Amino acid sequence: MSIELKKGLSEMKRSVRWGLVPDVVAHEILKVIERDNLAASIGSYLIEQGCLYLKPLGAGTGSVVFEITEGMILRLGVGILKPVIESEYVNQPICQKQFGLIRVEIYPKLITKDISDSDVTKLTVLLSSMMIQFIDPGTDNIGKDTNGRLKVIDPGAVVRF
């Protein structure tokens, strides 16, 4: 089995005001992977972690996200891995590994449908009581786990006071 990482990244699209365009972050990741010849080692690692496919889910300012199997997502980015704040209200990685300048992170997939502004407020207040600031609050940065618990999706969206 092989994971078509290069194909997945090259075909990734981002929605902008005028429609879908090639994702610039995905293309930056792809350039680094090709330059540093990392596709085989990242692909092997993903297979070891249970990756069955790459289904594009979305992208942020510095990473792209794929579903890789039922209930798991892959977050790829250029840069150095940073520690994730430990909290039951911040989605925790299943595993993380650095490949040169490429961050490879696998997380549980959260449910992102039906997240409201009220959920954002509730989670922001809850995190604040734990001395955690939600610096990028929004319905697009929150999901629910299988037990219905609200969690921050993006670990870069929270910092300790």
C-alpha atoms as a PDB file:
ATOM      1  CA  MET A   1       0.000   0.000   0.000  1.00  0.00           C
ATOM      2  CA  SER A   2       1.191   3.518  -0.667  1.00  0.00           C
ATOM      3  CA  ILE A   3      -0.119   6.919   0.313  1.00  0.00           C
ATOM      4  CA  GLU A   4      -0.163   9.362  -2.581  1.00  0.00           C
ATOM      5  CA  LEU A   5       1.020  12.290  -0.490  1.00  0.00           C
ATOM      6  CA  LYS A   6       2.328  14.372  -3.395  1.00  0.00           C
ATOM      7  CA  LYS A   7      -0.908  13.875  -5.337  1.00  0.00           C
ATOM      8  CA  GLY A   8      -3.044  14.763  -2.312  1.00  0.00           C
ATOM      9  CA  LEU A   9      -1.099  17.969  -1.691  1.00  0.00           C
ATOM     10  CA  SER A  10      -0.974  19.016  -5.352  1.00  0.00           C
ATOM     11  CA  GLU A  11      -4.732  18.547  -5.756  1.00  0.00           C
ATOM     12  CA  MET A  12      -5.705  20.369  -2.546  1.00  0.00           C
ATOM     13  CA  LYS A  13      -7.952  23.391  -3.118  1.00  0.00           C
ATOM     14  CA  ARG A  14      -8.866  26.340  -0.941  1.00  0.00           C
ATOM     15  CA  SER A  15     -12.171  28.156  -1.093  1.00  0.00           C
ATOM     16  CA  VAL A  16     -11.843  31.909  -1.642  1.00  0.00           C
ATOM     17  CA  ARG A  17     -14.376  34.590  -2.599  1.00  0.00           C
ATOM     18  CA  TRP A  18     -14.196  33.760  -6.295  1.00  0.00           C
ATOM     19  CA  GLY A  19     -14.217  29.964  -5.972  1.00  0.00           C
ATOM     20  CA  LEU A  20     -11.737  27.138  -5.466  1.00  0.00           C
ATOM     21  CA  VAL A  21      -8.036  27.771  -6.103  1.00  0.00           C
ATOM     22  CA  PRO A  22      -4.933  25.618  -5.610  1.00  0.00           C
ATOM     23  CA  ASP A  23      -3.982  25.720  -1.925  1.00  0.00           C
ATOM     24  CA  VAL A  24      -0.806  27.785  -1.476  1.00  0.00           C
ATOM     25  CA  VAL A  25       0.040  26.177   1.880  1.00  0.00           C
ATOM     26  CA  ALA A  26      -0.293  22.679   0.407  1.00  0.00           C
ATOM     27  CA  HIS A  27       1.981  23.688  -2.468  1.00  0.00           C
ATOM     28  CA  GLU A  28       4.566  25.122  -0.050  1.00  0.00           C
ATOM     29  CA  ILE A  29       4.525  21.830   1.903  1.00  0.00           C
ATOM     30  CA  LEU A  30       4.839  19.892  -1.350  1.00  0.00           C
ATOM     31  CA  LYS A  31       7.857  21.964  -2.463  1.00  0.00           C
ATOM     32  CA  VAL A  32       9.679  21.230   0.805  1.00  0.00           C
ATOM     33  CA  ILE A  33       8.786  17.516   0.638  1.00  0.00           C
ATOM     34  CA  GLU A  34      10.090  17.300  -2.951  1.00  0.00           C
ATOM     35  CA  ARG A  35      13.211  19.390  -2.276  1.00  0.00           C
ATOM     36  CA  ASP A  36      14.169  17.325   0.777  1.00  0.00           C
ATOM     37  CA  ASN A  37      12.998  13.985  -0.676  1.00  0.00           C
ATOM     38  CA  LEU A  38      10.635  13.279   2.246  1.00  0.00           C
ATOM     39  CA  ALA A  39       7.618  11.716   0.508  1.00  0.00           C
ATOM     40  CA  ALA A  40       8.633   8.079   1.046  1.00  0.00           C
ATOM     41  CA  SER A  41       9.544   8.478   4.719  1.00  0.00           C
ATOM     42  CA  ILE A  42       6.408  10.486   5.538  1.00  0.00           C
ATOM     43  CA  GLY A  43       4.258   8.057   3.537  1.00  0.00           C
ATOM     44  CA  SER A  44       5.724   5.049   5.396  1.00  0.00           C
ATOM     45  CA  TYR A  45       5.144   6.757   8.735  1.00  0.00           C
ATOM     46  CA  LEU A  46       1.527   7.506   7.846  1.00  0.00           C
ATOM     47  CA  ILE A  47       0.907   3.889   6.871  1.00  0.00           C
ATOM     48  CA  GLU A  48       2.446   2.749  10.193  1.00  0.00           C
ATOM     49  CA  GLN A  49      -0.008   5.069  11.974  1.00  0.00           C
ATOM     50  CA  GLY A  50      -3.016   3.557  10.209  1.00  0.00           C
ATOM     51  CA  CYS A  51      -3.466   5.994   7.323  1.00  0.00           C
ATOM     52  CA  LEU A  52      -5.690   4.469   4.648  1.00  0.00           C
ATOM     53  CA  TYR A  53      -6.377   7.466   2.398  1.00  0.00           C
ATOM     54  CA  LEU A  54      -6.029  11.251   2.145  1.00  0.00           C
ATOM     55  CA  LYS A  55      -9.350  13.088   2.017  1.00  0.00           C
ATOM     56  CA  PRO A  56      -8.895  16.896   2.079  1.00  0.00           C
ATOM     57  CA  LEU A  57     -10.816  18.534   4.927  1.00  0.00           C
ATOM     58  CA  GLY A  58      -9.479  22.065   5.126  1.00  0.00           C
ATOM     59  CA  ALA A  59      -6.553  24.348   5.688  1.00  0.00           C
ATOM     60  CA  GLY A  60      -5.370  27.111   7.942  1.00  0.00           C
ATOM     61  CA  THR A  61      -2.725  29.790   7.680  1.00  0.00           C
ATOM     62  CA  GLY A  62       0.132  27.325   8.121  1.00  0.00           C
ATOM     63  CA  SER A  63      -1.214  23.823   7.694  1.00  0.00           C
ATOM     64  CA  VAL A  64      -3.481  21.550   5.692  1.00  0.00           C
ATOM     65  CA  VAL A  65      -5.758  18.861   7.070  1.00  0.00           C
ATOM     66  CA  PHE A  66      -6.782  15.502   5.635  1.00  0.00           C
ATOM     67  CA  GLU A  67      -8.970  12.730   6.963  1.00  0.00           C
ATOM     68  CA  ILE A  68      -6.763   9.615   6.907  1.00  0.00           C
ATOM     69  CA  THR A  69      -9.133   6.978   8.283  1.00  0.00           C
ATOM     70  CA  GLU A  70     -12.451   6.980  10.098  1.00  0.00           C
ATOM     71  CA  GLY A  71     -12.014   9.133  13.188  1.00  0.00           C
ATOM     72  CA  MET A  72      -8.456  10.384  12.501  1.00  0.00           C
ATOM     73  CA  ILE A  73      -7.073  13.434  10.748  1.00  0.00           C
ATOM     74  CA  LEU A  74      -3.617  14.417   9.516  1.00  0.00           C
ATOM     75  CA  ARG A  75      -2.311  17.935   9.954  1.00  0.00           C
ATOM     76  CA  LEU A  76       0.731  18.840   7.821  1.00  0.00           C
ATOM     77  CA  GLY A  77       2.692  22.057   7.933  1.00  0.00           C
ATOM     78  CA  VAL A  78       6.073  23.640   7.375  1.00  0.00           C
ATOM     79  CA  GLY A  79       7.899  24.521  10.573  1.00  0.00           C
ATOM     80  CA  ILE A  80       8.892  23.057  13.895  1.00  0.00           C
ATOM     81  CA  LEU A  81       6.471  21.086  16.067  1.00  0.00           C
ATOM     82  CA  LYS A  82       5.360  22.944  19.166  1.00  0.00           C
ATOM     83  CA  PRO A  83       3.990  21.464  22.382  1.00  0.00           C
ATOM     84  CA  VAL A  84       0.210  21.269  22.592  1.00  0.00           C
ATOM     85  CA  ILE A  85      -1.336  22.727  25.745  1.00  0.00           C
ATOM     86  CA  GLU A  86      -2.590  19.816  27.820  1.00  0.00           C
ATOM     87  CA  SER A  87      -6.266  20.302  28.516  1.00  0.00           C
ATOM     88  CA  GLU A  88      -9.350  18.170  28.086  1.00  0.00           C
ATOM     89  CA  TYR A  89     -10.715  21.111  26.071  1.00  0.00           C
ATOM     90  CA  VAL A  90      -7.884  21.172  23.504  1.00  0.00           C
ATOM     91  CA  ASN A  91      -7.737  18.355  20.946  1.00  0.00           C
ATOM     92  CA  GLN A  92      -4.644  16.290  21.789  1.00  0.00           C
ATOM     93  CA  PRO A  93      -2.432  14.674  19.146  1.00  0.00           C
ATOM     94  CA  ILE A  94      -2.378  10.900  18.823  1.00  0.00           C
ATOM     95  CA  CYS A  95       1.169  11.251  17.514  1.00  0.00           C
ATOM     96  CA  GLN A  96       3.502  13.889  16.117  1.00  0.00           C
ATOM     97  CA  LYS A  97       6.749  13.616  14.198  1.00  0.00           C
ATOM     98  CA  GLN A  98       9.126  16.055  12.566  1.00  0.00           C
ATOM     99  CA  PHE A  99      10.479  15.251   9.075  1.00  0.00           C
ATOM    100  CA  GLY A 100      13.027  17.938   8.244  1.00  0.00           C
ATOM    101  CA  LEU A 101      10.955  21.113   8.126  1.00  0.00           C
ATOM    102  CA  ILE A 102       7.637  19.251   7.810  1.00  0.00           C
ATOM    103  CA  ARG A 103       5.337  18.849  10.825  1.00  0.00           C
ATOM    104  CA  VAL A 104       3.284  15.660  10.741  1.00  0.00           C
ATOM    105  CA  GLU A 105       0.517  15.489  13.349  1.00  0.00           C
ATOM    106  CA  ILE A 106      -2.296  12.980  13.722  1.00  0.00           C
ATOM    107  CA  TYR A 107      -5.334  13.915  15.802  1.00  0.00           C
ATOM    108  CA  PRO A 108      -8.716  12.443  16.629  1.00  0.00           C
ATOM    109  CA  LYS A 109     -11.299  13.821  14.212  1.00  0.00           C
ATOM    110  CA  LEU A 110     -13.797  16.106  15.908  1.00  0.00           C
ATOM    111  CA  ILE A 111     -17.377  16.762  14.838  1.00  0.00           C
ATOM    112  CA  THR A 112     -17.533  20.278  13.426  1.00  0.00           C
ATOM    113  CA  LYS A 113     -21.198  20.504  12.444  1.00  0.00           C
ATOM    114  CA  ASP A 114     -23.662  22.584  14.434  1.00  0.00           C
ATOM    115  CA  ILE A 115     -21.063  24.587  16.379  1.00  0.00           C
ATOM    116  CA  SER A 116     -22.632  27.868  17.507  1.00  0.00           C
ATOM    117  CA  ASP A 117     -21.394  31.262  18.670  1.00  0.00           C
ATOM    118  CA  SER A 118     -22.738  30.243  22.075  1.00  0.00           C
ATOM    119  CA  ASP A 119     -20.349  27.254  22.006  1.00  0.00           C
ATOM    120  CA  VAL A 120     -17.463  29.620  21.249  1.00  0.00           C
ATOM    121  CA  THR A 121     -18.377  31.831  24.216  1.00  0.00           C
ATOM    122  CA  LYS A 122     -18.846  28.843  26.525  1.00  0.00           C
ATOM    123  CA  LEU A 123     -15.468  27.327  25.587  1.00  0.00           C
ATOM    124  CA  THR A 124     -13.675  30.687  25.767  1.00  0.00           C
ATOM    125  CA  VAL A 125     -14.937  31.259  29.332  1.00  0.00           C
ATOM    126  CA  LEU A 126     -14.127  27.699  30.362  1.00  0.00           C
ATOM    127  CA  LEU A 127     -10.572  27.905  28.997  1.00  0.00           C
ATOM    128  CA  SER A 128     -10.060  31.289  30.645  1.00  0.00           C
ATOM    129  CA  SER A 129     -10.946  29.762  34.023  1.00  0.00           C
ATOM    130  CA  MET A 130      -8.088  27.310  33.389  1.00  0.00           C
ATOM    131  CA  MET A 131      -5.632  30.142  32.597  1.00  0.00           C
ATOM    132  CA  ILE A 132      -5.783  29.385  28.874  1.00  0.00           C
ATOM    133  CA  GLN A 133      -6.528  32.162  26.405  1.00  0.00           C
ATOM    134  CA  PHE A 134      -8.416  31.284  23.228  1.00  0.00           C
ATOM    135  CA  ILE A 135      -6.612  33.716  20.892  1.00  0.00           C
ATOM    136  CA  ASP A 136      -8.435  32.699  17.708  1.00  0.00           C
ATOM    137  CA  PRO A 137     -11.998  31.986  18.830  1.00  0.00           C
ATOM    138  CA  GLY A 138     -14.502  31.066  16.178  1.00  0.00           C
ATOM    139  CA  THR A 139     -16.917  28.360  15.154  1.00  0.00           C
ATOM    140  CA  ASP A 140     -14.314  27.151  12.630  1.00  0.00           C
ATOM    141  CA  ASN A 141     -11.829  26.419  15.439  1.00  0.00           C
ATOM    142  CA  ILE A 142     -14.066  24.253  17.627  1.00  0.00           C
ATOM    143  CA  GLY A 143     -15.325  20.712  17.386  1.00  0.00           C
ATOM    144  CA  LYS A 144     -16.970  18.123  19.597  1.00  0.00           C
ATOM    145  CA  ASP A 145     -15.505  14.760  20.518  1.00  0.00           C
ATOM    146  CA  THR A 146     -17.575  11.578  20.422  1.00  0.00           C
ATOM    147  CA  ASN A 147     -18.849  12.373  23.949  1.00  0.00           C
ATOM    148  CA  GLY A 148     -20.046  15.841  22.889  1.00  0.00           C
ATOM    149  CA  ARG A 149     -17.259  17.714  24.721  1.00  0.00           C
ATOM    150  CA  LEU A 150     -16.285  21.008  23.081  1.00  0.00           C
ATOM    151  CA  LYS A 151     -12.612  21.207  22.122  1.00  0.00           C
ATOM    152  CA  VAL A 152     -10.308  23.628  20.370  1.00  0.00           C
ATOM    153  CA  ILE A 153      -9.260  22.100  17.053  1.00  0.00           C
ATOM    154  CA  ASP A 154      -6.146  24.172  16.333  1.00  0.00           C
ATOM    155  CA  PRO A 155      -3.488  23.924  19.073  1.00  0.00           C
ATOM    156  CA  GLY A 156      -2.051  27.241  17.877  1.00  0.00           C
ATOM    157  CA  ALA A 157      -5.318  28.967  18.775  1.00  0.00           C
ATOM    158  CA  VAL A 158      -4.669  28.764  22.533  1.00  0.00           C
ATOM    159  CA  VAL A 159      -1.915  30.047  24.854  1.00  0.00           C
ATOM    160  CA  ARG A 160      -1.350  29.991  28.603  1.00  0.00           C
ATOM    161  CA  PHE A 161      -1.819  33.302  30.472  1.00  0.00           C
END
